[in-house]
Protein backbone atom coordinates (compact mmCIF):
# COMPACT_ATOMS: atom_id res chain seq x y z
CA MET A 1 18.63 -23.48 -21.36
CA ASP A 2 18.85 -22.61 -25.04
CA TYR A 3 21.20 -25.48 -25.92
CA VAL A 4 23.46 -28.14 -24.39
CA PRO A 5 27.04 -26.90 -24.82
CA HIS A 6 29.01 -30.09 -24.08
CA THR A 7 30.12 -32.36 -26.89
CA GLY A 8 30.89 -36.06 -26.46
CA ASP A 9 34.59 -35.28 -26.26
CA ASP A 10 33.92 -32.64 -23.61
CA GLN A 11 32.07 -35.19 -21.51
CA LYS A 12 34.89 -37.75 -21.82
CA GLN A 13 37.43 -35.14 -20.72
CA MET A 14 35.36 -34.14 -17.68
CA LEU A 15 34.75 -37.76 -16.66
CA GLY A 16 38.45 -38.51 -17.01
CA THR A 17 39.35 -35.52 -14.86
CA ILE A 18 37.17 -36.69 -11.97
CA GLY A 19 38.30 -40.31 -12.40
CA VAL A 20 35.22 -42.17 -13.67
CA LYS A 21 34.63 -43.99 -16.94
CA SER A 22 30.99 -43.13 -17.61
CA VAL A 23 28.11 -41.00 -16.41
CA GLU A 24 26.52 -44.15 -14.94
CA ASP A 25 29.51 -44.44 -12.58
CA LEU A 26 28.33 -41.25 -10.88
CA PHE A 27 25.30 -43.13 -9.56
CA VAL A 28 26.96 -46.22 -8.09
CA ASP A 29 26.01 -45.13 -4.57
CA ILE A 30 22.33 -45.60 -5.44
CA PRO A 31 21.34 -49.28 -4.95
CA SER A 32 20.74 -50.98 -8.31
CA ALA A 33 17.29 -52.11 -7.16
CA LEU A 34 16.23 -48.46 -6.98
CA ARG A 35 17.55 -47.50 -10.40
CA LEU A 36 15.57 -47.64 -13.63
CA LYS A 37 16.45 -50.56 -15.84
CA ASN A 38 15.23 -48.88 -19.00
CA ASP A 39 15.00 -45.40 -20.47
CA LEU A 40 12.05 -43.17 -19.64
CA ASP A 41 9.24 -43.18 -22.17
CA LEU A 42 9.97 -39.69 -23.46
CA PRO A 43 9.63 -38.35 -27.00
CA SER A 44 12.77 -37.75 -29.03
CA GLY A 45 14.43 -34.36 -28.94
CA LEU A 46 13.34 -31.46 -31.07
CA SER A 47 15.23 -28.76 -32.87
CA GLU A 48 15.12 -25.19 -31.58
CA GLN A 49 12.69 -24.23 -34.33
CA GLU A 50 10.41 -27.17 -33.53
CA VAL A 51 10.44 -26.40 -29.80
CA SER A 52 9.56 -22.77 -30.47
CA LYS A 53 6.63 -23.80 -32.65
CA LEU A 54 5.39 -26.32 -30.06
CA MET A 55 5.53 -23.77 -27.24
CA LYS A 56 3.50 -21.28 -29.31
CA GLN A 57 0.90 -23.96 -30.00
CA LEU A 58 0.61 -24.79 -26.30
CA ALA A 59 0.42 -21.11 -25.36
CA GLY A 60 -2.35 -20.67 -27.91
CA LYS A 61 -4.56 -22.95 -25.82
CA ASN A 62 -4.73 -20.28 -23.11
CA LYS A 63 -8.02 -18.45 -23.41
CA ILE A 64 -7.41 -14.97 -22.04
CA PRO A 65 -10.60 -12.90 -21.86
CA SER A 66 -10.46 -9.30 -23.05
CA ILE A 67 -12.79 -8.25 -20.24
CA SER A 68 -12.29 -9.42 -16.64
CA LEU A 69 -14.55 -8.82 -13.64
CA MET A 70 -12.52 -11.06 -11.36
CA GLY A 71 -10.50 -9.82 -8.38
CA ALA A 72 -10.45 -11.95 -5.21
CA GLY A 73 -6.77 -11.38 -4.47
CA ALA A 74 -5.34 -11.10 -7.99
CA TYR A 75 -5.95 -7.91 -9.93
CA ARG A 76 -5.67 -6.86 -13.56
CA HIS A 77 -3.83 -3.56 -13.74
CA TYR A 78 -1.87 -1.83 -16.46
CA VAL A 79 1.88 -2.36 -16.14
CA PRO A 80 3.94 0.49 -17.66
CA ALA A 81 6.55 -0.59 -20.23
CA ILE A 82 9.35 0.78 -18.06
CA VAL A 83 8.76 -2.00 -15.51
CA SER A 84 9.63 -4.91 -17.82
CA HIS A 85 12.46 -2.88 -19.34
CA ILE A 86 14.19 -2.32 -16.00
CA ILE A 87 13.67 -5.76 -14.47
CA GLY A 88 14.84 -7.37 -17.72
CA ARG A 89 18.26 -5.74 -17.54
CA SER A 90 21.12 -8.16 -16.92
CA GLU A 91 22.12 -6.32 -13.73
CA PHE A 92 18.83 -7.41 -12.11
CA TYR A 93 17.54 -10.40 -14.01
CA THR A 94 18.35 -13.47 -11.96
CA ALA A 95 16.33 -16.42 -10.74
CA TYR A 96 18.12 -16.61 -7.39
CA THR A 97 17.57 -14.63 -4.21
CA PRO A 98 20.23 -11.92 -3.75
CA TYR A 99 20.84 -12.29 -0.02
CA GLN A 100 24.63 -12.19 0.18
CA PRO A 101 26.08 -9.23 2.12
CA GLU A 102 28.33 -8.36 -0.80
CA ILE A 103 25.58 -7.91 -3.37
CA SER A 104 25.81 -4.87 -5.59
CA GLN A 105 24.86 -1.35 -4.62
CA GLY A 106 22.23 -1.37 -7.36
CA ILE A 107 20.32 -4.28 -5.82
CA LEU A 108 20.72 -2.84 -2.32
CA GLN A 109 19.43 0.57 -3.38
CA ALA A 110 16.44 -0.98 -5.15
CA ILE A 111 15.52 -2.89 -1.98
CA PHE A 112 16.04 0.21 0.18
CA GLU A 113 13.79 2.31 -2.07
CA TYR A 114 11.14 -0.43 -2.06
CA GLN A 115 11.24 -0.68 1.75
CA THR A 116 10.92 3.10 2.04
CA MET A 117 7.90 3.29 -0.26
CA ILE A 118 6.11 0.40 1.47
CA ALA A 119 6.76 1.90 4.90
CA ARG A 120 5.28 5.21 3.77
CA LEU A 121 2.25 3.64 2.11
CA THR A 122 1.44 1.46 5.12
CA GLY A 123 2.27 4.05 7.77
CA MET A 124 4.70 1.69 9.46
CA ALA A 125 8.23 2.29 10.73
CA VAL A 126 9.89 -0.56 8.86
CA ALA A 127 9.24 -2.91 5.94
CA ASN A 128 11.28 -5.96 4.96
CA ALA A 129 12.58 -6.81 1.51
CA SER A 130 9.48 -8.93 0.72
CA MET A 131 7.89 -12.32 1.37
CA TYR A 132 6.57 -15.09 -0.88
CA ASP A 133 3.04 -13.68 -1.06
CA GLY A 134 0.35 -12.02 1.02
CA ALA A 135 -0.82 -15.27 2.62
CA SER A 136 2.62 -16.24 3.92
CA ALA A 137 3.23 -12.65 5.09
CA MET A 138 0.08 -12.76 7.24
CA ALA A 139 0.97 -16.21 8.59
CA GLU A 140 4.50 -15.10 9.47
CA ALA A 141 3.16 -12.05 11.32
CA ALA A 142 0.73 -14.29 13.22
CA VAL A 143 3.43 -16.73 14.32
CA LEU A 144 5.75 -13.86 15.27
CA SER A 145 2.96 -12.36 17.41
CA CYS A 146 2.53 -15.64 19.29
CA LYS A 147 6.25 -16.04 19.86
CA THR A 148 6.65 -12.45 21.03
CA LEU A 149 3.76 -12.45 23.50
CA GLY A 150 4.03 -16.08 24.58
CA ARG A 151 0.38 -16.66 23.73
CA LYS A 152 -1.11 -19.47 21.65
CA LYS A 153 -4.42 -18.16 20.37
CA LEU A 154 -5.18 -16.21 17.19
CA ILE A 155 -8.35 -14.57 15.91
CA THR A 156 -9.06 -14.05 12.24
CA ALA A 157 -12.07 -12.46 10.60
CA CYS A 158 -13.95 -14.60 8.09
CA SER A 159 -13.76 -11.59 5.75
CA VAL A 160 -10.04 -12.29 5.32
CA HIS A 161 -9.18 -13.99 2.01
CA PRO A 162 -10.11 -17.72 2.39
CA GLU A 163 -6.72 -18.89 1.10
CA TRP A 164 -4.91 -16.58 3.51
CA ARG A 165 -6.93 -18.04 6.37
CA LYS A 166 -5.99 -21.56 5.31
CA THR A 167 -2.32 -20.59 5.23
CA VAL A 168 -2.57 -19.09 8.73
CA GLN A 169 -4.29 -22.25 9.98
CA THR A 170 -1.50 -24.40 8.54
CA TYR A 171 1.23 -22.32 10.20
CA ALA A 172 -0.72 -22.30 13.46
CA TRP A 173 -1.22 -26.07 13.41
CA ALA A 174 2.49 -26.62 12.81
CA ASN A 175 3.35 -24.47 15.84
CA GLY A 176 0.61 -25.70 18.15
CA TYR A 177 -1.49 -22.52 18.06
CA GLU A 178 -5.28 -22.21 18.04
CA VAL A 179 -7.14 -20.15 15.43
CA VAL A 180 -10.62 -18.79 16.13
CA GLU A 181 -12.67 -17.24 13.33
CA ILE A 182 -15.27 -14.53 13.89
CA CYS A 183 -17.96 -14.19 11.22
CA SER A 184 -20.33 -11.59 12.59
CA LEU A 185 -20.34 -8.78 10.04
CA ALA A 186 -22.10 -5.43 10.19
CA ASN A 187 -22.44 -3.84 6.74
CA GLY A 188 -19.72 -6.20 5.54
CA ARG A 189 -17.31 -5.12 8.31
CA VAL A 190 -16.08 -6.85 11.44
CA ASP A 191 -18.32 -5.89 14.36
CA PRO A 192 -16.04 -4.43 17.10
CA SER A 193 -18.52 -5.41 19.81
CA ILE A 194 -18.40 -9.08 18.76
CA LEU A 195 -14.62 -8.88 18.58
CA GLU A 196 -14.49 -7.51 22.12
CA VAL A 197 -16.52 -10.45 23.43
CA THR A 198 -14.25 -12.97 21.67
CA LEU A 199 -11.00 -11.41 22.85
CA ASP A 200 -9.25 -12.45 26.03
CA GLU A 201 -5.75 -12.40 27.53
CA THR A 202 -4.77 -15.61 25.70
CA VAL A 203 -5.06 -14.01 22.23
CA ALA A 204 -1.78 -13.00 20.59
CA ALA A 205 -3.14 -11.29 17.49
CA VAL A 206 -6.27 -10.37 15.59
CA MET A 207 -6.15 -10.55 11.79
CA ILE A 208 -8.40 -8.49 9.54
CA GLN A 209 -8.25 -7.45 5.90
CA SER A 210 -9.05 -4.01 4.50
CA PRO A 211 -10.44 -3.74 1.91
CA ASN A 212 -11.68 -7.20 2.87
CA PHE A 213 -12.56 -10.18 0.67
CA PHE A 214 -15.96 -8.63 -0.07
CA GLY A 215 -14.33 -5.36 -1.11
CA VAL A 216 -15.56 -3.55 2.02
CA ILE A 217 -13.22 -1.15 3.83
CA GLU A 218 -12.86 -2.12 7.49
CA ASP A 219 -12.98 0.38 10.36
CA VAL A 220 -9.42 -0.26 11.54
CA ALA A 221 -9.41 2.74 13.88
CA ALA A 222 -12.39 1.32 15.82
CA MET A 223 -10.83 -2.13 16.23
CA ALA A 224 -7.28 -1.16 17.22
CA PRO A 225 -8.11 0.01 20.79
CA VAL A 226 -10.33 -3.04 21.36
CA VAL A 227 -7.45 -5.36 20.40
CA HIS A 228 -4.79 -3.47 22.33
CA ALA A 229 -6.95 -3.33 25.47
CA LYS A 230 -6.38 -7.08 25.84
CA GLY A 231 -2.66 -6.79 25.15
CA ALA A 232 -3.02 -8.38 21.71
CA LEU A 233 -1.57 -7.21 18.39
CA LEU A 234 -3.48 -6.08 15.30
CA ILE A 235 -2.49 -7.47 11.90
CA VAL A 236 -4.09 -5.73 8.91
CA GLY A 237 -3.94 -7.48 5.54
CA VAL A 238 -4.25 -5.90 2.09
CA THR A 239 -4.88 -7.94 -1.06
CA GLU A 240 -5.43 -4.96 -3.39
CA ALA A 241 -2.26 -2.91 -2.98
CA THR A 242 -3.41 0.04 -5.10
CA SER A 243 -5.86 0.89 -2.30
CA LEU A 244 -2.83 2.06 -0.30
CA GLY A 245 -2.69 5.07 -2.60
CA LEU A 246 -6.05 6.34 -1.34
CA LEU A 247 -6.94 4.89 2.06
CA LYS A 248 -5.47 6.20 5.29
CA PRO A 249 -2.49 3.95 6.22
CA ALA A 250 -3.38 1.20 8.70
CA GLY A 251 -0.22 2.04 10.63
CA GLU A 252 -1.66 5.46 11.44
CA LEU A 253 -4.88 3.77 12.61
CA GLY A 254 -3.20 1.53 15.17
CA ALA A 255 -2.04 -1.58 13.31
CA ASP A 256 1.04 -3.39 14.63
CA PHE A 257 1.64 -5.21 11.35
CA VAL A 258 0.52 -4.43 7.81
CA VAL A 259 0.84 -7.41 5.49
CA GLY A 260 -0.26 -7.66 1.93
CA GLU A 261 -0.08 -8.91 -1.61
CA GLY A 262 1.97 -6.61 -3.86
CA GLN A 263 0.94 -8.15 -7.18
CA SER A 264 -0.98 -5.02 -8.14
CA PHE A 265 2.28 -3.04 -8.07
CA GLY A 266 3.68 -3.77 -11.51
CA ASN A 267 3.44 -7.57 -11.41
CA ALA A 268 1.31 -9.24 -14.06
CA LEU A 269 -1.30 -11.85 -13.15
CA ASN A 270 0.89 -14.65 -14.56
CA PHE A 271 -1.79 -17.30 -14.00
CA GLY A 272 -1.22 -17.08 -10.25
CA GLY A 273 2.38 -16.16 -9.61
CA PRO A 274 5.07 -15.52 -8.68
CA TYR A 275 3.65 -12.75 -6.51
CA LEU A 276 5.03 -10.40 -3.88
CA GLY A 277 4.46 -10.54 -0.13
CA ILE A 278 4.48 -7.27 1.82
CA LEU A 279 5.37 -7.22 5.52
CA ALA A 280 5.69 -4.00 7.49
CA SER A 281 5.67 -3.40 11.24
CA THR A 282 6.21 -0.94 14.03
CA GLU A 283 9.77 -0.31 15.17
CA ALA A 284 9.23 -2.71 18.10
CA PHE A 285 9.52 -5.68 15.72
CA MET A 286 12.39 -4.42 13.56
CA ARG A 287 14.80 -7.09 14.81
CA LYS A 288 12.20 -9.84 14.79
CA ILE A 289 10.48 -9.68 11.41
CA PRO A 290 11.59 -12.33 8.92
CA GLY A 291 13.64 -11.53 5.85
CA ARG A 292 16.23 -8.87 5.39
CA LEU A 293 16.45 -5.13 5.86
CA VAL A 294 18.65 -2.82 3.81
CA GLY A 295 19.91 0.35 5.48
CA GLU A 296 21.46 3.58 4.24
CA THR A 297 24.95 4.60 5.31
CA THR A 298 28.03 6.53 4.18
CA ASP A 299 31.43 5.15 3.26
CA LYS A 300 34.77 6.38 4.58
CA ASN A 301 34.73 9.17 2.01
CA GLY A 302 31.30 10.35 3.10
CA LYS A 303 29.60 8.99 -0.02
CA ARG A 304 26.04 7.68 0.30
CA GLY A 305 25.82 3.90 0.24
CA PHE A 306 23.60 0.95 1.15
CA VAL A 307 24.22 -2.13 3.25
CA LEU A 308 22.40 -5.33 4.14
CA THR A 309 21.77 -4.32 7.75
CA LEU A 310 19.66 -7.09 9.29
CA GLN A 311 19.16 -10.71 8.30
CA THR A 312 17.17 -13.09 10.48
CA ARG A 313 17.69 -16.07 8.23
CA GLU A 314 19.15 -19.20 9.78
CA GLN A 315 22.00 -19.18 7.25
CA HIS A 316 23.36 -16.02 8.86
CA ILE A 317 22.54 -16.35 12.55
CA ARG A 318 22.21 -19.18 15.04
CA ARG A 319 19.49 -21.49 13.83
CA GLU A 320 17.51 -21.31 17.07
CA LYS A 321 17.42 -17.51 16.83
CA ALA A 322 16.07 -17.42 13.27
CA THR A 323 12.63 -15.80 13.22
CA SER A 324 11.67 -17.75 10.11
CA ASN A 325 13.10 -20.00 7.46
CA ILE A 326 10.85 -18.45 4.84
CA CYS A 327 12.80 -15.26 4.37
CA SER A 328 12.84 -15.13 0.60
CA ASN A 329 13.42 -11.88 -1.20
CA GLU A 330 11.19 -12.01 -4.25
CA ALA A 331 13.86 -9.95 -5.96
CA LEU A 332 12.35 -9.37 -9.40
CA CYS A 333 8.79 -9.00 -8.06
CA MET A 334 10.05 -6.51 -5.49
CA LEU A 335 11.99 -4.62 -8.15
CA ALA A 336 8.91 -4.51 -10.39
CA ALA A 337 6.95 -2.97 -7.53
CA ALA A 338 9.68 -0.41 -6.84
CA VAL A 339 9.86 0.62 -10.51
CA TYR A 340 6.06 0.73 -10.78
CA LEU A 341 5.68 2.93 -7.70
CA SER A 342 8.55 5.18 -8.77
CA SER A 343 7.02 5.68 -12.21
CA LEU A 344 3.56 6.48 -10.82
CA GLY A 345 4.68 8.60 -7.88
CA LYS A 346 1.78 10.58 -6.45
CA ASN A 347 -0.35 9.50 -9.41
CA LEU A 348 -0.96 6.29 -7.44
CA LYS A 349 -3.69 8.25 -5.66
CA GLU A 350 -5.29 9.20 -8.99
CA LEU A 351 -5.12 5.57 -10.10
CA ALA A 352 -6.86 4.50 -6.89
CA LYS A 353 -9.58 7.12 -7.43
CA LEU A 354 -10.07 5.79 -10.96
CA ASN A 355 -10.57 2.28 -9.57
CA VAL A 356 -13.20 3.56 -7.15
CA ALA A 357 -15.02 5.46 -9.90
CA LYS A 358 -15.04 2.51 -12.31
CA ALA A 359 -16.38 0.15 -9.64
CA ALA A 360 -19.05 2.66 -8.61
CA TYR A 361 -20.30 2.96 -12.19
CA LEU A 362 -20.36 -0.80 -12.82
CA LYS A 363 -22.14 -1.43 -9.52
CA SER A 364 -24.79 1.20 -10.21
CA GLU A 365 -25.51 -0.25 -13.66
CA LEU A 366 -25.66 -3.86 -12.47
CA LEU A 367 -28.06 -2.91 -9.69
CA LYS A 368 -30.52 -1.80 -12.36
CA LEU A 369 -30.92 -5.43 -13.47
CA PRO A 370 -34.09 -7.12 -12.16
CA GLY A 371 -33.48 -9.34 -9.15
CA TRP A 372 -30.03 -7.89 -8.39
CA SER A 373 -29.21 -6.26 -5.04
CA ALA A 374 -26.25 -5.23 -2.90
CA VAL A 375 -25.12 -7.70 -0.22
CA PHE A 376 -23.45 -5.07 1.98
CA ASP A 377 -23.80 -1.31 2.24
CA GLY A 378 -20.38 -0.58 3.77
CA PRO A 379 -17.85 1.53 1.83
CA THR A 380 -15.93 -0.41 -0.83
CA TYR A 381 -12.79 0.01 -2.92
CA ASN A 382 -12.83 -1.61 -6.38
CA GLU A 383 -14.74 -4.77 -5.47
CA PHE A 384 -18.33 -5.21 -4.39
CA ALA A 385 -20.66 -8.12 -3.62
CA LEU A 386 -24.05 -8.40 -5.34
CA ARG A 387 -26.86 -10.89 -4.78
CA VAL A 388 -27.95 -12.28 -8.17
CA PRO A 389 -30.73 -14.63 -9.30
CA ASP A 390 -28.30 -17.45 -10.17
CA ALA A 391 -24.54 -17.01 -9.72
CA ARG A 392 -23.62 -20.00 -11.87
CA LYS A 393 -25.76 -18.86 -14.80
CA VAL A 394 -24.46 -15.31 -14.53
CA ASN A 395 -20.84 -16.40 -14.90
CA GLU A 396 -21.69 -18.94 -17.61
CA GLN A 397 -23.45 -16.23 -19.63
CA LEU A 398 -20.45 -13.94 -19.28
CA LYS A 399 -18.03 -16.73 -20.22
CA ALA A 400 -20.06 -17.53 -23.32
CA ASN A 401 -19.42 -13.95 -24.40
CA GLY A 402 -15.69 -14.02 -23.74
CA ILE A 403 -15.92 -12.27 -20.36
CA LEU A 404 -14.37 -13.54 -17.12
CA GLY A 405 -17.06 -13.19 -14.46
CA GLY A 406 -16.85 -12.42 -10.76
CA TYR A 407 -16.06 -14.59 -7.75
CA ASP A 408 -18.94 -16.82 -6.68
CA LEU A 409 -19.03 -16.39 -2.90
CA GLY A 410 -21.22 -19.48 -2.47
CA THR A 411 -18.23 -21.72 -3.26
CA VAL A 412 -16.60 -20.70 0.04
CA TYR A 413 -19.35 -18.99 2.02
CA PRO A 414 -22.55 -21.13 1.96
CA GLU A 415 -24.45 -18.32 3.67
CA TYR A 416 -23.82 -16.16 0.60
CA LYS A 417 -25.19 -18.49 -2.03
CA ASN A 418 -25.90 -16.68 -5.32
CA CYS A 419 -23.74 -13.76 -4.28
CA VAL A 420 -20.94 -12.65 -6.57
CA VAL A 421 -17.98 -10.31 -5.95
CA PHE A 422 -17.27 -8.19 -9.02
CA CYS A 423 -14.11 -6.16 -9.57
CA ALA A 424 -13.49 -3.11 -11.74
CA THR A 425 -9.99 -1.67 -12.19
CA GLU A 426 -8.66 1.03 -14.49
CA MET A 427 -8.41 -1.64 -17.22
CA LEU A 428 -12.18 -1.51 -17.79
CA CYS A 429 -13.58 1.27 -19.96
CA LYS A 430 -17.19 2.47 -19.98
CA VAL A 431 -17.94 0.74 -23.28
CA GLU A 432 -16.80 -2.61 -21.86
CA MET A 433 -18.80 -2.18 -18.67
CA ASP A 434 -21.89 -1.31 -20.70
CA GLU A 435 -21.23 -4.45 -22.76
CA VAL A 436 -21.19 -6.54 -19.57
CA VAL A 437 -24.51 -5.09 -18.45
CA GLY A 438 -25.97 -5.63 -21.91
CA VAL A 439 -24.94 -9.30 -21.93
CA LEU A 440 -26.47 -9.85 -18.49
CA ARG A 441 -29.63 -7.94 -19.33
């Protein structure tokens, strides 16, 4: 808050109204043995001017590189000015989740438009109003698959984001489900033949990511029939949402769920959050997916309107029928994505093409360096894995020149020691990419 509005007299009046003599009387129910006997060792208060100066000094300690080659689930994209302008308006700017049925038509329409755009981009019939992040969206889809089919086994590809896999494992452990990982990759993709051997009638869902953690685009169409032949469901994850502007929607390729991280859609990196979880499904799961769904209707005068149609949160239905108690609507993050997508329109495809072109150029130039080679030869989006002489030295050299390097795969995948995933988005220009190559040369 900007300031504390209550004077000493105000406090006395409020205490008198509720019938206590002091603020300490409000805590009499807490045993004295559990209460502090002295004040906390905190510094004295500061004036508004002093606080502002201190915050600027602390913020100045953040070292933000002008050139970034890092992706791995969080991507540096340009955010049009209109995004911050719209989400900063008082009609939208709130820290709390707008889940009440009586929320304004403006909020409802924004959610409806967002749902519509996500459904179209993913090729699915329905999309909810958002989740916490991509990892929780995938985990929720996995648990829902187990509950729906009455099965207790899940398969996830090791090419899925490591942190997403950990989140899935945590959810599975809490619900008594088993998670099996498959790590046999052909050209950086999941091998359908290995998947077929691993699958059986106890598996509820198979989770893949495309583009995957190595930047390689998976062959979703080849895996869908293999998964469905065993009666299991296919969950396709997306960490780089701008790829949806170029790649054929996973829903059209046979996915039952498309989950993803929507940070790339108008949400800044923000040192790791808050981000935006995407969850879309076929119509079969419309009444089972967590969160809320906004629908379009007409009022008694025939005027177009919007209504909070479905809510599977335990605050609104019987607790035992709630599909999840993580049903948050990341309202501002969702709104940012809706504004971003509305402002780009069909230019999202051109943006995606630009990402592909930038990554292709950077990759071709880095491969000219002695001792550098490609790890996989499968098709990629804006990330690619390269084998380098010494991953640690490569990133240290880049850091010394004010450049944020790529993701060292050896930290998570021992079999890929001295392999680095580099990312190139539209934020990199040719001069900067040539500078990177020059530093490394």
